[in-house]
PDB file of N, CA and C in Angstrom:
ATOM      1  N   MET A   1      65.133  29.367  84.280  1.00  0.00           N
ATOM      2  CA  MET A   1      64.590  28.051  84.572  1.00  0.00           C
ATOM      3  C   MET A   1      63.557  28.189  85.688  1.00  0.00           C
ATOM      4  N   ILE A   2      62.529  27.385  85.607  1.00  0.00           N
ATOM      5  CA  ILE A   2      61.463  27.400  86.606  1.00  0.00           C
ATOM      6  C   ILE A   2      61.251  25.975  87.093  1.00  0.00           C
ATOM      7  N   GLU A   3      61.291  25.804  88.410  1.00  0.00           N
ATOM      8  CA  GLU A   3      61.034  24.487  89.010  1.00  0.00           C
ATOM      9  C   GLU A   3      59.802  24.599  89.892  1.00  0.00           C
ATOM     10  N   LYS A   4      58.921  23.590  89.816  1.00  0.00           N
ATOM     11  CA  LYS A   4      57.699  23.562  90.626  1.00  0.00           C
ATOM     12  C   LYS A   4      57.686  22.296  91.464  1.00  0.00           C
ATOM     13  N   LYS A   5      57.330  22.463  92.759  1.00  0.00           N
ATOM     14  CA  LYS A   5      57.274  21.313  93.654  1.00  0.00           C
ATOM     15  C   LYS A   5      56.127  21.497  94.634  1.00  0.00           C
ATOM     16  N   LYS A   6      55.296  20.458  94.794  1.00  0.00           N
ATOM     17  CA  LYS A   6      54.187  20.518  95.745  1.00  0.00           C
ATOM     18  C   LYS A   6      54.713  20.485  97.166  1.00  0.00           C
ATOM     19  N   THR A   7      54.116  21.330  98.021  1.00  0.00           N
ATOM     20  CA  THR A   7      54.439  21.346  99.444  1.00  0.00           C
ATOM     21  C   THR A   7      53.127  21.358 100.217  1.00  0.00           C
ATOM     22  N   SER A   8      53.207  21.281 101.522  1.00  0.00           N
ATOM     23  CA  SER A   8      52.000  21.309 102.346  1.00  0.00           C
ATOM     24  C   SER A   8      51.323  22.683 102.326  1.00  0.00           C
ATOM     25  N   ARG A   9      52.050  23.729 101.929  1.00  0.00           N
ATOM     26  CA  ARG A   9      51.499  25.092 101.903  1.00  0.00           C
ATOM     27  C   ARG A   9      51.045  25.539 100.527  1.00  0.00           C
ATOM     28  N   GLY A  10      51.310  24.745  99.509  1.00  0.00           N
ATOM     29  CA  GLY A  10      50.971  25.123  98.135  1.00  0.00           C
ATOM     30  C   GLY A  10      52.039  24.592  97.201  1.00  0.00           C
ATOM     31  N   ILE A  11      52.259  25.270  96.102  1.00  0.00           N
ATOM     32  CA  ILE A  11      53.271  24.877  95.139  1.00  0.00           C
ATOM     33  C   ILE A  11      54.463  25.816  95.287  1.00  0.00           C
ATOM     34  N   SER A  12      55.617  25.249  95.586  1.00  0.00           N
ATOM     35  CA  SER A  12      56.844  26.043  95.659  1.00  0.00           C
ATOM     36  C   SER A  12      57.386  26.193  94.243  1.00  0.00           C
ATOM     37  N   VAL A  13      57.516  27.438  93.810  1.00  0.00           N
ATOM     38  CA  VAL A  13      58.041  27.738  92.485  1.00  0.00           C
ATOM     39  C   VAL A  13      59.396  28.410  92.666  1.00  0.00           C
ATOM     40  N   THR A  14      60.420  27.820  92.074  1.00  0.00           N
ATOM     41  CA  THR A  14      61.763  28.389  92.136  1.00  0.00           C
ATOM     42  C   THR A  14      62.114  28.960  90.769  1.00  0.00           C
ATOM     43  N   PHE A  15      62.417  30.244  90.770  1.00  0.00           N
ATOM     44  CA  PHE A  15      62.814  30.959  89.571  1.00  0.00           C
ATOM     45  C   PHE A  15      64.336  31.068  89.577  1.00  0.00           C
ATOM     46  N   LYS A  16      64.974  30.789  88.439  1.00  0.00           N
ATOM     47  CA  LYS A  16      66.436  30.897  88.334  1.00  0.00           C
ATOM     48  C   LYS A  16      66.806  31.581  87.028  1.00  0.00           C
ATOM     49  N   LEU A  17      67.821  32.440  87.119  1.00  0.00           N
ATOM     50  CA  LEU A  17      68.385  33.098  85.944  1.00  0.00           C
ATOM     51  C   LEU A  17      69.904  33.002  86.015  1.00  0.00           C
ATOM     52  N   PRO A  18      70.592  32.934  84.885  1.00  0.00           N
ATOM     53  CA  PRO A  18      72.054  32.895  84.898  1.00  0.00           C
ATOM     54  C   PRO A  18      72.630  34.148  85.562  1.00  0.00           C
ATOM     55  N   ALA A  19      73.749  33.983  86.249  1.00  0.00           N
ATOM     56  CA  ALA A  19      74.373  35.089  86.981  1.00  0.00           C
ATOM     57  C   ALA A  19      74.727  36.264  86.086  1.00  0.00           C
ATOM     58  N   ASP A  20      75.086  35.991  84.838  1.00  0.00           N
ATOM     59  CA  ASP A  20      75.531  37.075  83.957  1.00  0.00           C
ATOM     60  C   ASP A  20      74.407  37.927  83.387  1.00  0.00           C
ATOM     61  N   VAL A  21      73.163  37.622  83.747  1.00  0.00           N
ATOM     62  CA  VAL A  21      72.012  38.411  83.297  1.00  0.00           C
ATOM     63  C   VAL A  21      71.999  39.793  83.949  1.00  0.00           C
ATOM     64  N   ALA A  22      72.571  39.902  85.151  1.00  0.00           N
ATOM     65  CA  ALA A  22      72.521  41.159  85.897  1.00  0.00           C
ATOM     66  C   ALA A  22      73.855  41.465  86.555  1.00  0.00           C
ATOM     67  N   HIS A  23      74.081  42.756  86.761  1.00  0.00           N
ATOM     68  CA  HIS A  23      75.285  43.190  87.462  1.00  0.00           C
ATOM     69  C   HIS A  23      75.028  43.416  88.947  1.00  0.00           C
ATOM     70  N   GLU A  24      73.815  43.893  89.279  1.00  0.00           N
ATOM     71  CA  GLU A  24      73.535  44.290  90.656  1.00  0.00           C
ATOM     72  C   GLU A  24      72.352  43.587  91.312  1.00  0.00           C
ATOM     73  N   SER A  25      71.239  43.463  90.583  1.00  0.00           N
ATOM     74  CA  SER A  25      70.036  42.937  91.235  1.00  0.00           C
ATOM     75  C   SER A  25      69.060  42.360  90.226  1.00  0.00           C
ATOM     76  N   VAL A  26      68.247  41.417  90.717  1.00  0.00           N
ATOM     77  CA  VAL A  26      67.140  40.857  89.945  1.00  0.00           C
ATOM     78  C   VAL A  26      65.988  40.628  90.912  1.00  0.00           C
ATOM     79  N   SER A  27      64.781  40.949  90.472  1.00  0.00           N
ATOM     80  CA  SER A  27      63.573  40.656  91.239  1.00  0.00           C
ATOM     81  C   SER A  27      62.609  39.931  90.322  1.00  0.00           C
ATOM     82  N   VAL A  28      61.871  38.978  90.890  1.00  0.00           N
ATOM     83  CA  VAL A  28      60.796  38.347  90.129  1.00  0.00           C
ATOM     84  C   VAL A  28      59.519  39.086  90.524  1.00  0.00           C
ATOM     85  N   VAL A  29      58.834  39.608  89.516  1.00  0.00           N
ATOM     86  CA  VAL A  29      57.633  40.407  89.767  1.00  0.00           C
ATOM     87  C   VAL A  29      56.488  39.900  88.896  1.00  0.00           C
ATOM     88  N   GLY A  30      55.297  40.037  89.405  1.00  0.00           N
ATOM     89  CA  GLY A  30      54.151  39.576  88.644  1.00  0.00           C
ATOM     90  C   GLY A  30      52.850  39.911  89.335  1.00  0.00           C
ATOM     91  N   ASP A  31      51.772  39.353  88.812  1.00  0.00           N
ATOM     92  CA  ASP A  31      50.485  39.640  89.428  1.00  0.00           C
ATOM     93  C   ASP A  31      50.345  38.972  90.793  1.00  0.00           C
ATOM     94  N   PHE A  32      51.230  38.033  91.134  1.00  0.00           N
ATOM     95  CA  PHE A  32      51.205  37.414  92.466  1.00  0.00           C
ATOM     96  C   PHE A  32      51.789  38.323  93.542  1.00  0.00           C
ATOM     97  N   ASN A  33      52.464  39.405  93.157  1.00  0.00           N
ATOM     98  CA  ASN A  33      52.989  40.357  94.144  1.00  0.00           C
ATOM     99  C   ASN A  33      52.699  41.803  93.737  1.00  0.00           C
ATOM    100  N   ASN A  34      51.630  41.995  92.966  1.00  0.00           N
ATOM    101  CA  ASN A  34      51.194  43.324  92.514  1.00  0.00           C
ATOM    102  C   ASN A  34      52.286  44.066  91.751  1.00  0.00           C
ATOM    103  N   TRP A  35      53.136  43.319  91.039  1.00  0.00           N
ATOM    104  CA  TRP A  35      54.207  43.886  90.211  1.00  0.00           C
ATOM    105  C   TRP A  35      55.142  44.787  91.022  1.00  0.00           C
ATOM    106  N   ASP A  36      55.409  44.386  92.260  1.00  0.00           N
ATOM    107  CA  ASP A  36      56.271  45.155  93.167  1.00  0.00           C
ATOM    108  C   ASP A  36      57.696  44.595  93.132  1.00  0.00           C
ATOM    109  N   PRO A  37      58.655  45.317  92.557  1.00  0.00           N
ATOM    110  CA  PRO A  37      60.024  44.821  92.464  1.00  0.00           C
ATOM    111  C   PRO A  37      60.708  44.587  93.820  1.00  0.00           C
ATOM    112  N   SER A  38      60.205  45.197  94.871  1.00  0.00           N
ATOM    113  CA  SER A  38      60.822  44.998  96.190  1.00  0.00           C
ATOM    114  C   SER A  38      60.265  43.777  96.918  1.00  0.00           C
ATOM    115  N   ALA A  39      59.205  43.165  96.394  1.00  0.00           N
ATOM    116  CA  ALA A  39      58.549  42.056  97.092  1.00  0.00           C
ATOM    117  C   ALA A  39      59.333  40.749  97.053  1.00  0.00           C
ATOM    118  N   HIS A  40      59.969  40.425  95.926  1.00  0.00           N
ATOM    119  CA  HIS A  40      60.671  39.150  95.785  1.00  0.00           C
ATOM    120  C   HIS A  40      62.028  39.316  95.101  1.00  0.00           C
ATOM    121  N   PRO A  41      62.986  39.946  95.819  1.00  0.00           N
ATOM    122  CA  PRO A  41      64.325  40.047  95.236  1.00  0.00           C
ATOM    123  C   PRO A  41      64.962  38.661  95.142  1.00  0.00           C
ATOM    124  N   MET A  42      65.717  38.460  94.083  1.00  0.00           N
ATOM    125  CA  MET A  42      66.397  37.183  93.907  1.00  0.00           C
ATOM    126  C   MET A  42      67.782  37.263  94.532  1.00  0.00           C
ATOM    127  N   ARG A  43      68.286  36.105  94.942  1.00  0.00           N
ATOM    128  CA  ARG A  43      69.610  36.019  95.567  1.00  0.00           C
ATOM    129  C   ARG A  43      70.610  35.478  94.546  1.00  0.00           C
ATOM    130  N   LEU A  44      71.796  36.087  94.530  1.00  0.00           N
ATOM    131  CA  LEU A  44      72.855  35.630  93.638  1.00  0.00           C
ATOM    132  C   LEU A  44      73.680  34.547  94.329  1.00  0.00           C
ATOM    133  N   TYR A  45      73.776  33.399  93.687  1.00  0.00           N
ATOM    134  CA  TYR A  45      74.628  32.305  94.146  1.00  0.00           C
ATOM    135  C   TYR A  45      75.829  32.266  93.200  1.00  0.00           C
ATOM    136  N   LYS A  46      76.862  33.043  93.515  1.00  0.00           N
ATOM    137  CA  LYS A  46      78.026  33.168  92.629  1.00  0.00           C
ATOM    138  C   LYS A  46      78.677  31.824  92.346  1.00  0.00           C
ATOM    139  N   ASN A  47      78.817  30.998  93.386  1.00  0.00           N
ATOM    140  CA  ASN A  47      79.489  29.707  93.215  1.00  0.00           C
ATOM    141  C   ASN A  47      78.691  28.738  92.339  1.00  0.00           C
ATOM    142  N   LYS A  48      77.382  28.951  92.228  1.00  0.00           N
ATOM    143  CA  LYS A  48      76.542  28.089  91.386  1.00  0.00           C
ATOM    144  C   LYS A  48      76.223  28.745  90.041  1.00  0.00           C
ATOM    145  N   GLY A  49      76.482  30.046  89.937  1.00  0.00           N
ATOM    146  CA  GLY A  49      76.313  30.738  88.668  1.00  0.00           C
ATOM    147  C   GLY A  49      74.899  31.145  88.320  1.00  0.00           C
ATOM    148  N   TYR A  50      74.056  31.406  89.341  1.00  0.00           N
ATOM    149  CA  TYR A  50      72.693  31.838  89.027  1.00  0.00           C
ATOM    150  C   TYR A  50      72.078  32.697  90.125  1.00  0.00           C
ATOM    151  N   TRP A  51      71.043  33.433  89.736  1.00  0.00           N
ATOM    152  CA  TRP A  51      70.156  34.147  90.648  1.00  0.00           C
ATOM    153  C   TRP A  51      68.973  33.229  90.924  1.00  0.00           C
ATOM    154  N   SER A  52      68.424  33.254  92.149  1.00  0.00           N
ATOM    155  CA  SER A  52      67.317  32.360  92.463  1.00  0.00           C
ATOM    156  C   SER A  52      66.380  32.961  93.514  1.00  0.00           C
ATOM    157  N   LYS A  53      65.099  32.586  93.402  1.00  0.00           N
ATOM    158  CA  LYS A  53      64.088  32.948  94.389  1.00  0.00           C
ATOM    159  C   LYS A  53      62.986  31.906  94.355  1.00  0.00           C
ATOM    160  N   SER A  54      62.587  31.408  95.524  1.00  0.00           N
ATOM    161  CA  SER A  54      61.464  30.469  95.636  1.00  0.00           C
ATOM    162  C   SER A  54      60.276  31.176  96.271  1.00  0.00           C
ATOM    163  N   ILE A  55      59.101  30.920  95.714  1.00  0.00           N
ATOM    164  CA  ILE A  55      57.860  31.522  96.189  1.00  0.00           C
ATOM    165  C   ILE A  55      56.798  30.426  96.243  1.00  0.00           C
ATOM    166  N   VAL A  56      56.006  30.387  97.308  1.00  0.00           N
ATOM    167  CA  VAL A  56      54.897  29.432  97.399  1.00  0.00           C
ATOM    168  C   VAL A  56      53.649  30.099  96.838  1.00  0.00           C
ATOM    169  N   LEU A  57      53.037  29.450  95.855  1.00  0.00           N
ATOM    170  CA  LEU A  57      51.848  29.988  95.196  1.00  0.00           C
ATOM    171  C   LEU A  57      50.709  28.983  95.237  1.00  0.00           C
ATOM    172  N   LYS A  58      49.504  29.497  95.174  1.00  0.00           N
ATOM    173  CA  LYS A  58      48.309  28.655  95.069  1.00  0.00           C
ATOM    174  C   LYS A  58      48.089  28.324  93.593  1.00  0.00           C
ATOM    175  N   PRO A  59      47.349  27.251  93.305  1.00  0.00           N
ATOM    176  CA  PRO A  59      47.073  26.920  91.907  1.00  0.00           C
ATOM    177  C   PRO A  59      46.438  28.090  91.154  1.00  0.00           C
ATOM    178  N   GLY A  60      46.829  28.235  89.919  1.00  0.00           N
ATOM    179  CA  GLY A  60      46.309  29.307  89.071  1.00  0.00           C
ATOM    180  C   GLY A  60      47.286  29.621  87.960  1.00  0.00           C
ATOM    181  N   THR A  61      46.954  30.605  87.156  1.00  0.00           N
ATOM    182  CA  THR A  61      47.831  31.079  86.091  1.00  0.00           C
ATOM    183  C   THR A  61      48.250  32.497  86.431  1.00  0.00           C
ATOM    184  N   TYR A  62      49.535  32.730  86.386  1.00  0.00           N
ATOM    185  CA  TYR A  62      50.112  34.012  86.771  1.00  0.00           C
ATOM    186  C   TYR A  62      50.921  34.603  85.627  1.00  0.00           C
ATOM    187  N   GLN A  63      50.974  35.938  85.593  1.00  0.00           N
ATOM    188  CA  GLN A  63      51.865  36.651  84.680  1.00  0.00           C
ATOM    189  C   GLN A  63      53.054  37.140  85.498  1.00  0.00           C
ATOM    190  N   PHE A  64      54.239  37.106  84.881  1.00  0.00           N
ATOM    191  CA  PHE A  64      55.433  37.577  85.587  1.00  0.00           C
ATOM    192  C   PHE A  64      56.511  37.988  84.601  1.00  0.00           C
ATOM    193  N   ARG A  65      57.515  38.689  85.144  1.00  0.00           N
ATOM    194  CA  ARG A  65      58.742  39.047  84.428  1.00  0.00           C
ATOM    195  C   ARG A  65      59.828  39.243  85.476  1.00  0.00           C
ATOM    196  N   TYR A  66      61.050  39.412  85.021  1.00  0.00           N
ATOM    197  CA  TYR A  66      62.169  39.732  85.907  1.00  0.00           C
ATOM    198  C   TYR A  66      62.533  41.198  85.708  1.00  0.00           C
ATOM    199  N   PHE A  67      62.791  41.889  86.826  1.00  0.00           N
ATOM    200  CA  PHE A  67      63.241  43.281  86.779  1.00  0.00           C
ATOM    201  C   PHE A  67      64.717  43.276  87.123  1.00  0.00           C
ATOM    202  N   VAL A  68      65.545  43.680  86.170  1.00  0.00           N
ATOM    203  CA  VAL A  68      66.990  43.512  86.267  1.00  0.00           C
ATOM    204  C   VAL A  68      67.699  44.854  86.445  1.00  0.00           C
ATOM    205  N   ASP A  69      68.571  44.897  87.435  1.00  0.00           N
ATOM    206  CA  ASP A  69      69.408  46.071  87.712  1.00  0.00           C
ATOM    207  C   ASP A  69      68.613  47.368  87.835  1.00  0.00           C
ATOM    208  N   GLY A  70      67.362  47.245  88.261  1.00  0.00           N
ATOM    209  CA  GLY A  70      66.532  48.419  88.498  1.00  0.00           C
ATOM    210  C   GLY A  70      66.176  49.214  87.254  1.00  0.00           C
ATOM    211  N   GLU A  71      66.357  48.600  86.042  1.00  0.00           N
ATOM    212  CA  GLU A  71      66.113  49.393  84.851  1.00  0.00           C
ATOM    213  C   GLU A  71      65.522  48.659  83.651  1.00  0.00           C
ATOM    214  N   ARG A  72      65.606  47.334  83.615  1.00  0.00           N
ATOM    215  CA  ARG A  72      65.084  46.654  82.430  1.00  0.00           C
ATOM    216  C   ARG A  72      64.332  45.385  82.808  1.00  0.00           C
ATOM    217  N   TRP A  73      63.423  45.003  81.916  1.00  0.00           N
ATOM    218  CA  TRP A  73      62.582  43.827  82.100  1.00  0.00           C
ATOM    219  C   TRP A  73      63.094  42.693  81.239  1.00  0.00           C
ATOM    220  N   VAL A  74      63.086  41.479  81.786  1.00  0.00           N
ATOM    221  CA  VAL A  74      63.570  40.299  81.085  1.00  0.00           C
ATOM    222  C   VAL A  74      62.522  39.195  81.220  1.00  0.00           C
ATOM    223  N   ASN A  75      62.302  38.458  80.130  1.00  0.00           N
ATOM    224  CA  ASN A  75      61.406  37.315  80.173  1.00  0.00           C
ATOM    225  C   ASN A  75      62.183  36.030  80.398  1.00  0.00           C
ATOM    226  N   ASP A  76      61.486  34.991  80.797  1.00  0.00           N
ATOM    227  CA  ASP A  76      62.072  33.676  81.055  1.00  0.00           C
ATOM    228  C   ASP A  76      61.791  32.782  79.854  1.00  0.00           C
ATOM    229  N   ASP A  77      62.839  32.246  79.245  1.00  0.00           N
ATOM    230  CA  ASP A  77      62.624  31.401  78.069  1.00  0.00           C
ATOM    231  C   ASP A  77      62.063  30.025  78.438  1.00  0.00           C
ATOM    232  N   GLN A  78      61.923  29.738  79.728  1.00  0.00           N
ATOM    233  CA  GLN A  78      61.332  28.492  80.200  1.00  0.00           C
ATOM    234  C   GLN A  78      59.895  28.693  80.695  1.00  0.00           C
ATOM    235  N   ALA A  79      59.308  29.863  80.436  1.00  0.00           N
ATOM    236  CA  ALA A  79      57.934  30.150  80.878  1.00  0.00           C
ATOM    237  C   ALA A  79      56.957  29.184  80.216  1.00  0.00           C
ATOM    238  N   ASP A  80      55.800  29.019  80.843  1.00  0.00           N
ATOM    239  CA  ASP A  80      54.762  28.136  80.306  1.00  0.00           C
ATOM    240  C   ASP A  80      54.077  28.736  79.084  1.00  0.00           C
ATOM    241  N   GLY A  81      54.289  30.007  78.843  1.00  0.00           N
ATOM    242  CA  GLY A  81      53.703  30.695  77.702  1.00  0.00           C
ATOM    243  C   GLY A  81      53.954  32.183  77.839  1.00  0.00           C
ATOM    244  N   TYR A  82      53.370  32.956  76.928  1.00  0.00           N
ATOM    245  CA  TYR A  82      53.541  34.406  76.913  1.00  0.00           C
ATOM    246  C   TYR A  82      52.217  35.050  76.544  1.00  0.00           C
ATOM    247  N   THR A  83      52.019  36.273  77.021  1.00  0.00           N
ATOM    248  CA  THR A  83      50.809  37.014  76.709  1.00  0.00           C
ATOM    249  C   THR A  83      51.168  38.481  76.547  1.00  0.00           C
ATOM    250  N   ALA A  84      50.408  39.189  75.735  1.00  0.00           N
ATOM    251  CA  ALA A  84      50.659  40.614  75.521  1.00  0.00           C
ATOM    252  C   ALA A  84      50.436  41.390  76.811  1.00  0.00           C
ATOM    253  N   SER A  85      51.310  42.357  77.058  1.00  0.00           N
ATOM    254  CA  SER A  85      51.134  43.232  78.217  1.00  0.00           C
ATOM    255  C   SER A  85      50.580  44.570  77.740  1.00  0.00           C
ATOM    256  N   PRO A  86      50.046  45.377  78.649  1.00  0.00           N
ATOM    257  CA  PRO A  86      49.517  46.684  78.243  1.00  0.00           C
ATOM    258  C   PRO A  86      50.629  47.687  77.892  1.00  0.00           C
ATOM    259  N   PHE A  87      51.899  47.276  78.029  1.00  0.00           N
ATOM    260  CA  PHE A  87      53.031  48.177  77.778  1.00  0.00           C
ATOM    261  C   PHE A  87      53.771  47.813  76.487  1.00  0.00           C
ATOM    262  N   PHE A  88      53.049  47.215  75.528  1.00  0.00           N
ATOM    263  CA  PHE A  88      53.590  46.882  74.215  1.00  0.00           C
ATOM    264  C   PHE A  88      54.776  45.918  74.280  1.00  0.00           C
ATOM    265  N   SER A  89      54.683  44.972  75.179  1.00  0.00           N
ATOM    266  CA  SER A  89      55.682  43.905  75.302  1.00  0.00           C
ATOM    267  C   SER A  89      54.928  42.626  75.659  1.00  0.00           C
ATOM    268  N   GLU A  90      55.654  41.604  76.045  1.00  0.00           N
ATOM    269  CA  GLU A  90      55.027  40.353  76.460  1.00  0.00           C
ATOM    270  C   GLU A  90      55.395  40.031  77.895  1.00  0.00           C
ATOM    271  N   ASN A  91      54.422  39.487  78.626  1.00  0.00           N
ATOM    272  CA  ASN A  91      54.663  38.948  79.959  1.00  0.00           C
ATOM    273  C   ASN A  91      54.759  37.435  79.849  1.00  0.00           C
ATOM    274  N   CYS A  92      55.491  36.835  80.764  1.00  0.00           N
ATOM    275  CA  CYS A  92      55.568  35.382  80.853  1.00  0.00           C
ATOM    276  C   CYS A  92      54.326  34.857  81.551  1.00  0.00           C
ATOM    277  N   LEU A  93      53.942  33.636  81.206  1.00  0.00           N
ATOM    278  CA  LEU A  93      52.841  32.957  81.894  1.00  0.00           C
ATOM    279  C   LEU A  93      53.406  31.805  82.711  1.00  0.00           C
ATOM    280  N   LEU A  94      52.843  31.622  83.896  1.00  0.00           N
ATOM    281  CA  LEU A  94      53.219  30.534  84.792  1.00  0.00           C
ATOM    282  C   LEU A  94      51.937  29.815  85.195  1.00  0.00           C
ATOM    283  N   HIS A  95      51.851  28.517  84.878  1.00  0.00           N
ATOM    284  CA  HIS A  95      50.684  27.706  85.251  1.00  0.00           C
ATOM    285  C   HIS A  95      51.058  26.867  86.471  1.00  0.00           C
ATOM    286  N   VAL A  96      50.357  27.104  87.567  1.00  0.00           N
ATOM    287  CA  VAL A  96      50.597  26.370  88.811  1.00  0.00           C
ATOM    288  C   VAL A  96      49.396  25.468  89.048  1.00  0.00           C
ATOM    289  N   GLU A  97      49.643  24.156  89.139  1.00  0.00           N
ATOM    290  CA  GLU A  97      48.545  23.193  89.343  1.00  0.00           C
ATOM    291  C   GLU A  97      48.746  22.395  90.611  1.00  0.00           C
TER     292      GLU A  97
END
Protein backbone atom coordinates (compact mmCIF):
# COMPACT_ATOMS: atom_id res chain seq x y z
CA MET A 1 0.00 0.00 0.00
CA ILE A 2 1.18 3.52 -0.76
CA GLU A 3 -0.10 6.64 0.99
CA LYS A 4 0.71 10.19 -0.17
CA LYS A 5 0.27 13.33 1.92
CA LYS A 6 1.34 16.92 1.25
CA THR A 7 3.66 18.47 3.83
CA SER A 8 5.58 21.73 4.07
CA ARG A 9 8.73 19.90 2.86
CA GLY A 10 7.19 18.06 -0.09
CA ILE A 11 5.02 14.98 -0.45
CA SER A 12 5.33 12.38 2.30
CA VAL A 13 5.02 8.93 0.74
CA THR A 14 4.45 6.00 3.08
CA PHE A 15 5.21 2.56 1.72
CA LYS A 16 3.65 -0.46 3.48
CA LEU A 17 3.94 -4.20 2.93
CA PRO A 18 2.34 -7.07 4.88
CA ALA A 19 4.55 -8.48 7.64
CA ASP A 20 4.57 -11.96 6.12
CA VAL A 21 6.33 -10.74 2.96
CA ALA A 22 9.72 -10.95 4.70
CA HIS A 23 11.44 -12.86 7.46
CA GLU A 24 14.28 -10.45 8.22
CA SER A 25 14.30 -7.17 6.30
CA VAL A 26 12.69 -5.00 3.65
CA SER A 27 14.03 -1.84 2.00
CA VAL A 28 12.28 0.47 -0.42
CA VAL A 29 14.70 1.28 -3.23
CA GLY A 30 14.38 3.30 -6.37
CA ASP A 31 15.74 6.09 -8.47
CA PHE A 32 15.04 8.49 -5.57
CA ASN A 33 17.84 6.82 -3.57
CA ASN A 34 20.10 5.55 -6.39
CA TRP A 35 18.75 2.00 -5.88
CA ASP A 36 20.64 1.73 -2.57
CA PRO A 37 19.06 -0.94 -0.31
CA SER A 38 20.69 0.60 2.78
CA ALA A 39 19.19 4.06 2.19
CA HIS A 40 15.56 3.40 3.23
CA PRO A 41 15.13 0.27 5.35
CA MET A 42 11.55 -0.40 6.34
CA ARG A 43 10.48 -0.94 9.95
CA LEU A 44 8.43 -3.95 11.01
CA TYR A 45 5.36 -3.13 13.11
CA LYS A 46 4.53 -6.64 14.39
CA ASN A 47 1.46 -5.51 16.34
CA LYS A 48 0.02 -3.84 13.21
CA GLY A 49 1.10 -6.58 10.81
CA TYR A 50 3.14 -4.59 8.30
CA TRP A 51 6.51 -3.17 7.26
CA SER A 52 6.54 0.60 6.71
CA LYS A 53 8.76 3.50 5.63
CA SER A 54 7.89 7.16 4.95
CA ILE A 55 9.97 9.28 2.60
CA VAL A 56 9.51 12.94 1.60
CA LEU A 57 9.78 13.37 -2.17
CA LYS A 58 9.50 16.25 -4.60
CA PRO A 59 6.91 16.11 -7.40
CA GLY A 60 7.86 13.78 -10.22
CA THR A 61 7.62 10.19 -11.42
CA TYR A 62 9.84 7.63 -9.74
CA GLN A 63 10.69 3.98 -10.29
CA PHE A 64 10.96 1.72 -7.25
CA ARG A 65 10.83 -1.82 -5.88
CA TYR A 66 11.19 -3.53 -2.51
CA PHE A 67 14.34 -5.51 -1.66
CA VAL A 68 13.33 -8.34 0.65
CA ASP A 69 15.54 -10.36 3.00
CA GLY A 70 18.64 -9.23 1.13
CA GLU A 71 17.93 -11.54 -1.80
CA ARG A 72 14.76 -10.89 -3.79
CA TRP A 73 12.85 -8.04 -5.40
CA VAL A 74 9.13 -7.49 -4.88
CA ASN A 75 6.73 -5.12 -6.62
CA ASP A 76 3.86 -3.22 -5.02
CA ASP A 77 0.42 -4.14 -6.33
CA GLN A 78 -0.76 -0.62 -5.38
CA ALA A 79 1.84 1.13 -7.59
CA ASP A 80 0.69 3.87 -9.97
CA GLY A 81 1.97 1.77 -12.87
CA TYR A 82 4.81 -0.44 -14.06
CA THR A 83 7.66 -0.10 -16.54
CA ALA A 84 10.23 -2.49 -17.97
CA SER A 85 13.56 -2.57 -16.17
CA PRO A 86 16.93 -3.24 -17.81
CA PHE A 87 17.08 -6.53 -15.82
CA PHE A 88 14.22 -8.28 -17.67
CA SER A 89 11.63 -7.52 -15.00
CA GLU A 90 9.29 -4.65 -14.16
CA ASN A 91 9.78 -1.70 -11.84
CA CYS A 92 6.91 0.02 -10.06
CA LEU A 93 6.02 3.60 -10.96
CA LEU A 94 5.17 6.23 -8.36
CA HIS A 95 3.62 9.56 -9.46
CA VAL A 96 4.12 12.33 -6.90
CA GLU A 97 2.19 15.56 -7.55
